[in-house]
Amino acid sequence: MKKSVNLTKEGKQALEEELAALKARRPEITEKIATARAFGDLSENEEYSSARSEQKTVENRILEIEEILKSAKIIRSAAHSKVVLGATVKVKVDGKQKIYSIVGPVEANPLEGKISDQSPIGKALLGLKEGDSTTFNNKTYKVVEIN
């Protein structure tokens, strides 16, 4: 049985755009391979090896995205009274406010404030309500607002 992948609507759209861009690169890579092949001996042809490696990377990512999209389950965005998958939460930690979006592991990107519901901090925040606090890495996170 396939495991479903939780995605936000925006995350699904971003993957679809990446997929389209990768598929659009196929002719360019094929042209690079053909040009490099014309240089002769393939065993010592760095351009050919590089182009084939690029092709493999692109094709693997295409397959990965297609599998993710096949099993994607869109997270409904609605008003939340507690921290759940798909919620955006404003927390106060060390006197500073931080905003996190709770997303599935596929979309997680801590540098953009997108944290996985399966990450330690994501798990610590899940289920909390406005005003609740949790401790993570010796820091207290107080939930200020949930959207």
C-alpha atoms as a PDB file:
ATOM      1  CA  MET A   1       0.000   0.000   0.000  1.00  0.00           C
ATOM      2  CA  LYS A   2       1.334   3.404  -0.985  1.00  0.00           C
ATOM      3  CA  LYS A   3       1.989   5.934   1.715  1.00  0.00           C
ATOM      4  CA  SER A   4       0.296   9.269   1.099  1.00  0.00           C
ATOM      5  CA  VAL A   5       2.405  12.415   1.053  1.00  0.00           C
ATOM      6  CA  ASN A   6       0.990  15.513   2.744  1.00  0.00           C
ATOM      7  CA  LEU A   7       1.396  18.674   0.662  1.00  0.00           C
ATOM      8  CA  THR A   8       0.001  22.167   0.828  1.00  0.00           C
ATOM      9  CA  LYS A   9      -1.647  23.521  -2.294  1.00  0.00           C
ATOM     10  CA  GLU A  10       1.369  25.782  -2.792  1.00  0.00           C
ATOM     11  CA  GLY A  11       3.778  22.888  -2.296  1.00  0.00           C
ATOM     12  CA  LYS A  12       1.981  20.815  -4.924  1.00  0.00           C
ATOM     13  CA  GLN A  13       2.070  23.727  -7.337  1.00  0.00           C
ATOM     14  CA  ALA A  14       5.808  24.232  -6.737  1.00  0.00           C
ATOM     15  CA  LEU A  15       6.472  20.541  -7.460  1.00  0.00           C
ATOM     16  CA  GLU A  16       4.369  20.707 -10.642  1.00  0.00           C
ATOM     17  CA  GLU A  17       6.358  23.754 -11.796  1.00  0.00           C
ATOM     18  CA  GLU A  18       9.660  22.028 -11.018  1.00  0.00           C
ATOM     19  CA  LEU A  19       8.490  18.951 -12.928  1.00  0.00           C
ATOM     20  CA  ALA A  20       7.569  21.047 -15.978  1.00  0.00           C
ATOM     21  CA  ALA A  21      10.957  22.814 -15.869  1.00  0.00           C
ATOM     22  CA  LEU A  22      12.823  19.510 -15.623  1.00  0.00           C
ATOM     23  CA  LYS A  23      10.886  18.015 -18.523  1.00  0.00           C
ATOM     24  CA  ALA A  24      11.640  21.142 -20.562  1.00  0.00           C
ATOM     25  CA  ARG A  25      15.379  20.495 -20.014  1.00  0.00           C
ATOM     26  CA  ARG A  26      15.235  17.069 -21.674  1.00  0.00           C
ATOM     27  CA  PRO A  27      15.854  18.306 -25.260  1.00  0.00           C
ATOM     28  CA  GLU A  28      18.776  20.475 -24.112  1.00  0.00           C
ATOM     29  CA  ILE A  29      20.405  17.537 -22.338  1.00  0.00           C
ATOM     30  CA  THR A  30      19.818  15.244 -25.309  1.00  0.00           C
ATOM     31  CA  GLU A  31      21.530  17.837 -27.516  1.00  0.00           C
ATOM     32  CA  LYS A  32      24.500  18.004 -25.109  1.00  0.00           C
ATOM     33  CA  ILE A  33      24.837  14.208 -25.254  1.00  0.00           C
ATOM     34  CA  ALA A  34      24.678  14.178 -29.055  1.00  0.00           C
ATOM     35  CA  THR A  35      27.275  16.946 -29.328  1.00  0.00           C
ATOM     36  CA  ALA A  36      29.601  15.248 -26.841  1.00  0.00           C
ATOM     37  CA  ARG A  37      29.157  11.891 -28.597  1.00  0.00           C
ATOM     38  CA  ALA A  38      30.418  13.503 -31.804  1.00  0.00           C
ATOM     39  CA  PHE A  39      33.759  14.220 -30.109  1.00  0.00           C
ATOM     40  CA  GLY A  40      34.671  10.554 -30.452  1.00  0.00           C
ATOM     41  CA  ASP A  41      35.962   8.090 -27.848  1.00  0.00           C
ATOM     42  CA  LEU A  42      33.306   7.971 -25.119  1.00  0.00           C
ATOM     43  CA  SER A  43      35.551   6.291 -22.552  1.00  0.00           C
ATOM     44  CA  GLU A  44      37.606   9.463 -22.060  1.00  0.00           C
ATOM     45  CA  ASN A  45      35.001  12.026 -23.046  1.00  0.00           C
ATOM     46  CA  GLU A  46      34.332  14.243 -20.012  1.00  0.00           C
ATOM     47  CA  GLU A  47      31.598  16.240 -21.799  1.00  0.00           C
ATOM     48  CA  TYR A  48      29.727  13.040 -22.575  1.00  0.00           C
ATOM     49  CA  SER A  49      30.077  11.713 -19.003  1.00  0.00           C
ATOM     50  CA  SER A  50      28.949  15.041 -17.585  1.00  0.00           C
ATOM     51  CA  ALA A  51      25.914  15.237 -19.888  1.00  0.00           C
ATOM     52  CA  ARG A  52      24.920  11.645 -19.073  1.00  0.00           C
ATOM     53  CA  SER A  53      25.273  12.367 -15.359  1.00  0.00           C
ATOM     54  CA  GLU A  54      23.082  15.456 -15.725  1.00  0.00           C
ATOM     55  CA  GLN A  55      20.513  13.400 -17.628  1.00  0.00           C
ATOM     56  CA  LYS A  56      20.464  10.761 -14.891  1.00  0.00           C
ATOM     57  CA  THR A  57      20.008  13.399 -12.170  1.00  0.00           C
ATOM     58  CA  VAL A  58      17.157  15.103 -14.039  1.00  0.00           C
ATOM     59  CA  GLU A  59      15.386  11.833 -14.881  1.00  0.00           C
ATOM     60  CA  ASN A  60      15.652  10.605 -11.274  1.00  0.00           C
ATOM     61  CA  ARG A  61      14.178  13.865  -9.970  1.00  0.00           C
ATOM     62  CA  ILE A  62      11.352  13.658 -12.541  1.00  0.00           C
ATOM     63  CA  LEU A  63      10.510  10.144 -11.334  1.00  0.00           C
ATOM     64  CA  GLU A  64      10.681  11.250  -7.696  1.00  0.00           C
ATOM     65  CA  ILE A  65       8.334  14.205  -8.255  1.00  0.00           C
ATOM     66  CA  GLU A  66       5.887  12.089 -10.269  1.00  0.00           C
ATOM     67  CA  GLU A  67       5.734   9.541  -7.427  1.00  0.00           C
ATOM     68  CA  ILE A  68       5.186  12.293  -4.861  1.00  0.00           C
ATOM     69  CA  LEU A  69       2.395  13.837  -6.918  1.00  0.00           C
ATOM     70  CA  LYS A  70       0.710  10.450  -7.442  1.00  0.00           C
ATOM     71  CA  SER A  71       0.427   9.915  -3.707  1.00  0.00           C
ATOM     72  CA  ALA A  72      -0.131  13.561  -2.731  1.00  0.00           C
ATOM     73  CA  LYS A  73      -2.818  14.423  -0.234  1.00  0.00           C
ATOM     74  CA  ILE A  74      -3.571  18.142  -0.147  1.00  0.00           C
ATOM     75  CA  ILE A  75      -3.631  19.681   3.313  1.00  0.00           C
ATOM     76  CA  ARG A  76      -6.747  21.763   3.782  1.00  0.00           C
ATOM     77  CA  SER A  77      -6.075  25.269   4.928  1.00  0.00           C
ATOM     78  CA  ALA A  78      -8.665  26.501   7.377  1.00  0.00           C
ATOM     79  CA  ALA A  79      -8.808  28.333  10.661  1.00  0.00           C
ATOM     80  CA  HIS A  80      -7.206  26.273  13.379  1.00  0.00           C
ATOM     81  CA  SER A  81      -7.734  26.391  17.122  1.00  0.00           C
ATOM     82  CA  LYS A  82      -4.617  24.313  17.704  1.00  0.00           C
ATOM     83  CA  VAL A  83      -1.378  23.612  15.873  1.00  0.00           C
ATOM     84  CA  VAL A  84      -2.022  21.026  13.158  1.00  0.00           C
ATOM     85  CA  LEU A  85      -0.534  20.028   9.832  1.00  0.00           C
ATOM     86  CA  GLY A  86      -1.082  22.950   7.451  1.00  0.00           C
ATOM     87  CA  ALA A  87      -1.225  25.604  10.183  1.00  0.00           C
ATOM     88  CA  THR A  88       0.994  28.642  10.405  1.00  0.00           C
ATOM     89  CA  VAL A  89       2.037  29.335  13.969  1.00  0.00           C
ATOM     90  CA  LYS A  90       3.624  32.422  15.482  1.00  0.00           C
ATOM     91  CA  VAL A  91       5.741  31.586  18.523  1.00  0.00           C
ATOM     92  CA  LYS A  92       7.765  33.622  20.965  1.00  0.00           C
ATOM     93  CA  VAL A  93      11.164  32.190  21.852  1.00  0.00           C
ATOM     94  CA  ASP A  94      13.919  34.042  23.708  1.00  0.00           C
ATOM     95  CA  GLY A  95      11.907  37.274  23.390  1.00  0.00           C
ATOM     96  CA  LYS A  96      11.763  37.023  19.598  1.00  0.00           C
ATOM     97  CA  GLN A  97       8.781  36.109  17.461  1.00  0.00           C
ATOM     98  CA  LYS A  98       9.164  33.432  14.831  1.00  0.00           C
ATOM     99  CA  ILE A  99       6.644  32.159  12.317  1.00  0.00           C
ATOM    100  CA  TYR A 100       6.541  28.517  11.262  1.00  0.00           C
ATOM    101  CA  SER A 101       4.375  26.719   8.744  1.00  0.00           C
ATOM    102  CA  ILE A 102       3.747  23.103   9.703  1.00  0.00           C
ATOM    103  CA  VAL A 103       4.097  21.035   6.523  1.00  0.00           C
ATOM    104  CA  GLY A 104       4.806  17.469   5.462  1.00  0.00           C
ATOM    105  CA  PRO A 105       8.426  16.262   5.180  1.00  0.00           C
ATOM    106  CA  VAL A 106       8.525  16.725   1.390  1.00  0.00           C
ATOM    107  CA  GLU A 107       7.943  20.485   1.687  1.00  0.00           C
ATOM    108  CA  ALA A 108      10.020  21.104   4.807  1.00  0.00           C
ATOM    109  CA  ASN A 109      12.570  23.884   4.509  1.00  0.00           C
ATOM    110  CA  PRO A 110      13.578  25.361   7.867  1.00  0.00           C
ATOM    111  CA  LEU A 111      15.348  28.290   6.181  1.00  0.00           C
ATOM    112  CA  GLU A 112      11.940  29.350   4.814  1.00  0.00           C
ATOM    113  CA  GLY A 113      10.164  28.698   8.114  1.00  0.00           C
ATOM    114  CA  LYS A 114       8.543  25.493   6.829  1.00  0.00           C
ATOM    115  CA  ILE A 115       8.989  22.752   9.405  1.00  0.00           C
ATOM    116  CA  SER A 116       7.926  19.151   9.102  1.00  0.00           C
ATOM    117  CA  ASP A 117       5.227  17.760  11.317  1.00  0.00           C
ATOM    118  CA  GLN A 118       7.602  14.824  11.817  1.00  0.00           C
ATOM    119  CA  SER A 119      10.571  16.933  12.959  1.00  0.00           C
ATOM    120  CA  PRO A 120      11.269  17.218  16.688  1.00  0.00           C
ATOM    121  CA  ILE A 121      10.144  20.863  16.854  1.00  0.00           C
ATOM    122  CA  GLY A 122       7.118  20.124  14.667  1.00  0.00           C
ATOM    123  CA  LYS A 123       6.096  17.270  16.971  1.00  0.00           C
ATOM    124  CA  ALA A 124       6.581  19.517  20.022  1.00  0.00           C
ATOM    125  CA  LEU A 125       4.284  22.191  18.576  1.00  0.00           C
ATOM    126  CA  LEU A 126       1.516  19.897  17.286  1.00  0.00           C
ATOM    127  CA  GLY A 127      -1.643  20.045  19.352  1.00  0.00           C
ATOM    128  CA  LEU A 128      -0.746  23.242  21.218  1.00  0.00           C
ATOM    129  CA  LYS A 129      -3.266  26.089  21.470  1.00  0.00           C
ATOM    130  CA  GLU A 130      -2.697  29.837  21.639  1.00  0.00           C
ATOM    131  CA  GLY A 131      -1.040  30.645  24.961  1.00  0.00           C
ATOM    132  CA  ASP A 132       0.417  27.122  25.381  1.00  0.00           C
ATOM    133  CA  SER A 133       4.157  26.604  25.737  1.00  0.00           C
ATOM    134  CA  THR A 134       6.584  23.792  25.051  1.00  0.00           C
ATOM    135  CA  THR A 135      10.285  23.356  25.669  1.00  0.00           C
ATOM    136  CA  PHE A 136      12.601  22.281  22.886  1.00  0.00           C
ATOM    137  CA  ASN A 137      16.421  22.353  22.990  1.00  0.00           C
ATOM    138  CA  ASN A 138      16.304  24.113  26.364  1.00  0.00           C
ATOM    139  CA  LYS A 139      14.235  26.950  24.893  1.00  0.00           C
ATOM    140  CA  THR A 140      10.611  27.723  25.684  1.00  0.00           C
ATOM    141  CA  TYR A 141       8.330  28.214  22.694  1.00  0.00           C
ATOM    142  CA  LYS A 142       5.100  30.027  23.522  1.00  0.00           C
ATOM    143  CA  VAL A 143       2.324  29.905  20.909  1.00  0.00           C
ATOM    144  CA  VAL A 144       1.206  33.470  20.222  1.00  0.00           C
ATOM    145  CA  GLU A 145      -1.054  32.964  17.199  1.00  0.00           C
ATOM    146  CA  ILE A 146      -2.311  30.168  14.956  1.00  0.00           C
ATOM    147  CA  ASN A 147      -3.547  30.647  11.384  1.00  0.00           C
END
